């Protein structure tokens, strides 16, 4: 057993981090950086333990600002399965580059699977309008899939898939 931050750093391609039943009260963003990748036939997985009800509660993040996301996924070949993300100050789960030096689509997070997850009640307490449920925007690569997911009661978009010509 270890905390989720340590587990993310230690998990190898093809392995699963199981989250046991309960609410995980988190005050820091979970960052999966661009060097932390699974492989095409060996995803790194974060999953609720079979039969468990798991909630990642980010209400301890403090005052809102644009960096207070719940989970930022900048790696490739990750699978998230069967848990809830709630009360992040910006976005519950965002797939996008975190390293602003990653200038091309080949460097952006790709081939991630978010399956049967819920992102709800994310709220920017400063303006009450800038928190998304799920975001795959601006700088995400190819092959990212959300399947069977729900987003609701977020103070901005449930799903933010914003793109711009420059990225």
Protein backbone atom coordinates (compact mmCIF):
# COMPACT_ATOMS: atom_id res chain seq x y z
CA UNK A 1 0.00 0.00 0.00
CA UNK A 2 1.08 3.56 -0.78
CA UNK A 3 -0.52 6.88 -1.61
CA UNK A 4 -1.75 7.54 -5.13
CA UNK A 5 1.04 10.02 -5.92
CA UNK A 6 3.75 7.48 -5.12
CA UNK A 7 1.91 4.67 -6.90
CA UNK A 8 1.73 6.72 -10.11
CA UNK A 9 5.50 7.19 -10.04
CA UNK A 10 6.19 3.48 -9.44
CA UNK A 11 3.64 1.67 -11.64
CA UNK A 12 5.11 -0.09 -14.67
CA UNK A 13 3.52 -0.61 -18.09
CA UNK A 14 0.90 -3.35 -17.87
CA UNK A 15 0.33 -2.88 -14.13
CA UNK A 16 -2.75 -1.62 -12.26
CA UNK A 17 -3.05 0.74 -9.32
CA UNK A 18 -6.13 -0.38 -7.39
CA UNK A 19 -7.97 2.20 -5.31
CA UNK A 20 -9.72 0.70 -2.31
CA UNK A 21 -13.24 1.65 -1.25
CA UNK A 22 -13.64 5.18 0.11
CA UNK A 23 -13.13 8.88 -0.39
CA UNK A 24 -9.59 10.09 -1.01
CA UNK A 25 -9.31 13.65 0.26
CA UNK A 26 -6.61 15.29 -1.85
CA UNK A 27 -5.18 18.78 -1.61
CA UNK A 28 -2.68 18.53 -4.48
CA UNK A 29 -3.23 17.95 -8.18
CA UNK A 30 -2.36 14.51 -9.54
CA UNK A 31 0.08 15.00 -12.42
CA UNK A 32 1.01 12.17 -14.76
CA UNK A 33 3.81 13.78 -16.73
CA UNK A 34 4.91 13.17 -20.30
CA UNK A 35 7.70 10.77 -19.29
CA UNK A 36 5.28 8.45 -17.46
CA UNK A 37 3.87 6.21 -20.20
CA UNK A 38 2.38 2.79 -20.64
CA UNK A 39 2.66 1.00 -23.97
CA UNK A 40 0.32 0.07 -26.80
CA UNK A 41 -0.47 -3.38 -25.38
CA UNK A 42 0.43 -2.59 -21.77
CA UNK A 43 -1.55 0.32 -20.37
CA UNK A 44 -0.81 1.76 -16.96
CA UNK A 45 -4.15 1.56 -15.16
CA UNK A 46 -5.75 3.35 -12.23
CA UNK A 47 -8.91 1.50 -11.23
CA UNK A 48 -11.39 1.19 -8.43
CA UNK A 49 -10.85 -2.20 -6.82
CA UNK A 50 -13.60 -4.58 -8.02
CA UNK A 51 -16.78 -3.78 -6.10
CA UNK A 52 -15.32 -0.63 -4.51
CA UNK A 53 -16.88 2.82 -4.66
CA UNK A 54 -14.06 5.31 -5.01
CA UNK A 55 -14.13 9.10 -4.93
CA UNK A 56 -11.15 11.42 -5.48
CA UNK A 57 -12.19 14.58 -3.60
CA UNK A 58 -10.08 17.66 -4.37
CA UNK A 59 -11.96 20.07 -2.10
CA UNK A 60 -8.76 20.58 -0.08
CA UNK A 61 -7.04 22.47 -2.91
CA UNK A 62 -7.78 25.87 -1.42
CA UNK A 63 -8.45 29.06 -3.37
CA UNK A 64 -9.09 28.60 -7.07
CA UNK A 65 -6.61 29.39 -9.80
CA UNK A 66 -5.96 27.97 -13.27
CA UNK A 67 -3.50 25.36 -11.98
CA UNK A 68 -5.88 23.69 -9.52
CA UNK A 69 -6.95 20.73 -11.61
CA UNK A 70 -7.80 17.37 -10.11
CA UNK A 71 -5.90 15.14 -12.53
CA UNK A 72 -3.67 16.24 -15.42
CA UNK A 73 -2.82 13.41 -17.78
CA UNK A 74 0.20 14.25 -19.96
CA UNK A 75 1.37 10.63 -20.43
CA UNK A 76 0.43 8.08 -23.07
CA UNK A 77 -1.34 4.74 -22.74
CA UNK A 78 -3.06 5.22 -19.41
CA UNK A 79 -6.44 3.73 -18.49
CA UNK A 80 -8.66 5.18 -15.77
CA UNK A 81 -11.53 2.97 -14.74
CA UNK A 82 -14.58 3.17 -12.51
CA UNK A 83 -14.14 6.06 -10.09
CA UNK A 84 -15.43 9.55 -9.38
CA UNK A 85 -13.49 12.82 -9.46
CA UNK A 86 -15.06 15.73 -7.60
CA UNK A 87 -14.58 19.25 -6.26
CA UNK A 88 -11.46 20.24 -8.19
CA UNK A 89 -11.00 24.00 -8.43
CA UNK A 90 -10.42 24.06 -12.21
CA UNK A 91 -10.98 20.79 -14.08
CA UNK A 92 -11.66 17.32 -12.73
CA UNK A 93 -9.58 15.45 -15.32
CA UNK A 94 -7.66 17.12 -18.13
CA UNK A 95 -5.76 15.45 -20.95
CA UNK A 96 -3.26 17.96 -22.33
CA UNK A 97 0.42 18.73 -22.37
CA UNK A 98 1.75 20.03 -19.08
CA UNK A 99 5.22 20.87 -20.36
CA UNK A 100 4.80 23.97 -22.53
CA UNK A 101 8.01 23.07 -24.41
CA UNK A 102 6.19 20.12 -26.02
CA UNK A 103 5.53 21.91 -29.29
CA UNK A 104 4.20 19.20 -31.62
CA UNK A 105 1.30 16.78 -31.56
CA UNK A 106 3.77 13.87 -31.37
CA UNK A 107 4.76 15.15 -27.92
CA UNK A 108 1.20 15.48 -26.56
CA UNK A 109 -0.67 12.86 -24.52
CA UNK A 110 -2.13 10.13 -26.73
CA UNK A 111 -4.01 6.82 -26.61
CA UNK A 112 -5.50 7.17 -23.15
CA UNK A 113 -8.75 5.49 -22.12
CA UNK A 114 -11.07 6.98 -19.52
CA UNK A 115 -13.73 4.33 -18.89
CA UNK A 116 -16.86 4.54 -16.71
CA UNK A 117 -15.63 7.53 -14.68
CA UNK A 118 -17.68 10.44 -13.36
CA UNK A 119 -16.48 14.02 -12.91
CA UNK A 120 -18.90 16.19 -10.98
CA UNK A 121 -19.21 19.21 -8.70
CA UNK A 122 -15.96 20.79 -9.86
CA UNK A 123 -16.15 24.50 -9.14
CA UNK A 124 -13.94 27.54 -9.32
CA UNK A 125 -14.94 29.18 -6.05
CA UNK A 126 -13.41 32.52 -7.10
CA UNK A 127 -15.72 33.14 -10.08
CA UNK A 128 -18.05 30.13 -9.88
CA UNK A 129 -17.69 29.59 -13.63
CA UNK A 130 -14.34 28.09 -14.64
CA UNK A 131 -14.31 24.41 -13.76
CA UNK A 132 -14.84 21.62 -16.27
CA UNK A 133 -15.69 17.99 -15.61
CA UNK A 134 -13.48 16.48 -18.31
CA UNK A 135 -11.18 18.34 -20.69
CA UNK A 136 -9.23 17.07 -23.67
CA UNK A 137 -8.23 20.38 -25.11
CA UNK A 138 -5.69 22.61 -26.77
CA UNK A 139 -2.76 20.20 -26.74
CA UNK A 140 -3.81 16.58 -26.66
CA UNK A 141 -2.70 13.98 -29.17
CA UNK A 142 -4.57 11.26 -31.01
CA UNK A 143 -6.52 8.26 -29.80
CA UNK A 144 -7.80 9.57 -26.45
CA UNK A 145 -11.16 7.99 -25.59
CA UNK A 146 -13.83 8.72 -22.99
CA UNK A 147 -16.29 5.81 -22.85
CA UNK A 148 -19.22 5.43 -20.46
CA UNK A 149 -18.24 8.59 -18.57
CA UNK A 150 -20.55 11.15 -16.98
CA UNK A 151 -19.92 14.83 -16.20
CA UNK A 152 -22.45 16.94 -14.34
CA UNK A 153 -22.88 19.81 -11.87
CA UNK A 154 -19.61 21.42 -12.97
CA UNK A 155 -19.49 25.21 -12.90
CA UNK A 156 -18.25 25.46 -16.51
CA UNK A 157 -18.33 22.73 -19.16
CA UNK A 158 -19.08 19.11 -18.47
CA UNK A 159 -16.88 18.38 -21.48
CA UNK A 160 -14.34 20.93 -22.72
CA UNK A 161 -12.89 19.88 -26.07
CA UNK A 162 -11.66 23.33 -27.13
CA UNK A 163 -9.13 23.46 -29.94
CA UNK A 164 -7.38 26.28 -31.76
CA UNK A 165 -5.48 26.44 -35.02
CA UNK A 166 -2.12 27.13 -33.33
CA UNK A 167 -2.30 23.87 -31.36
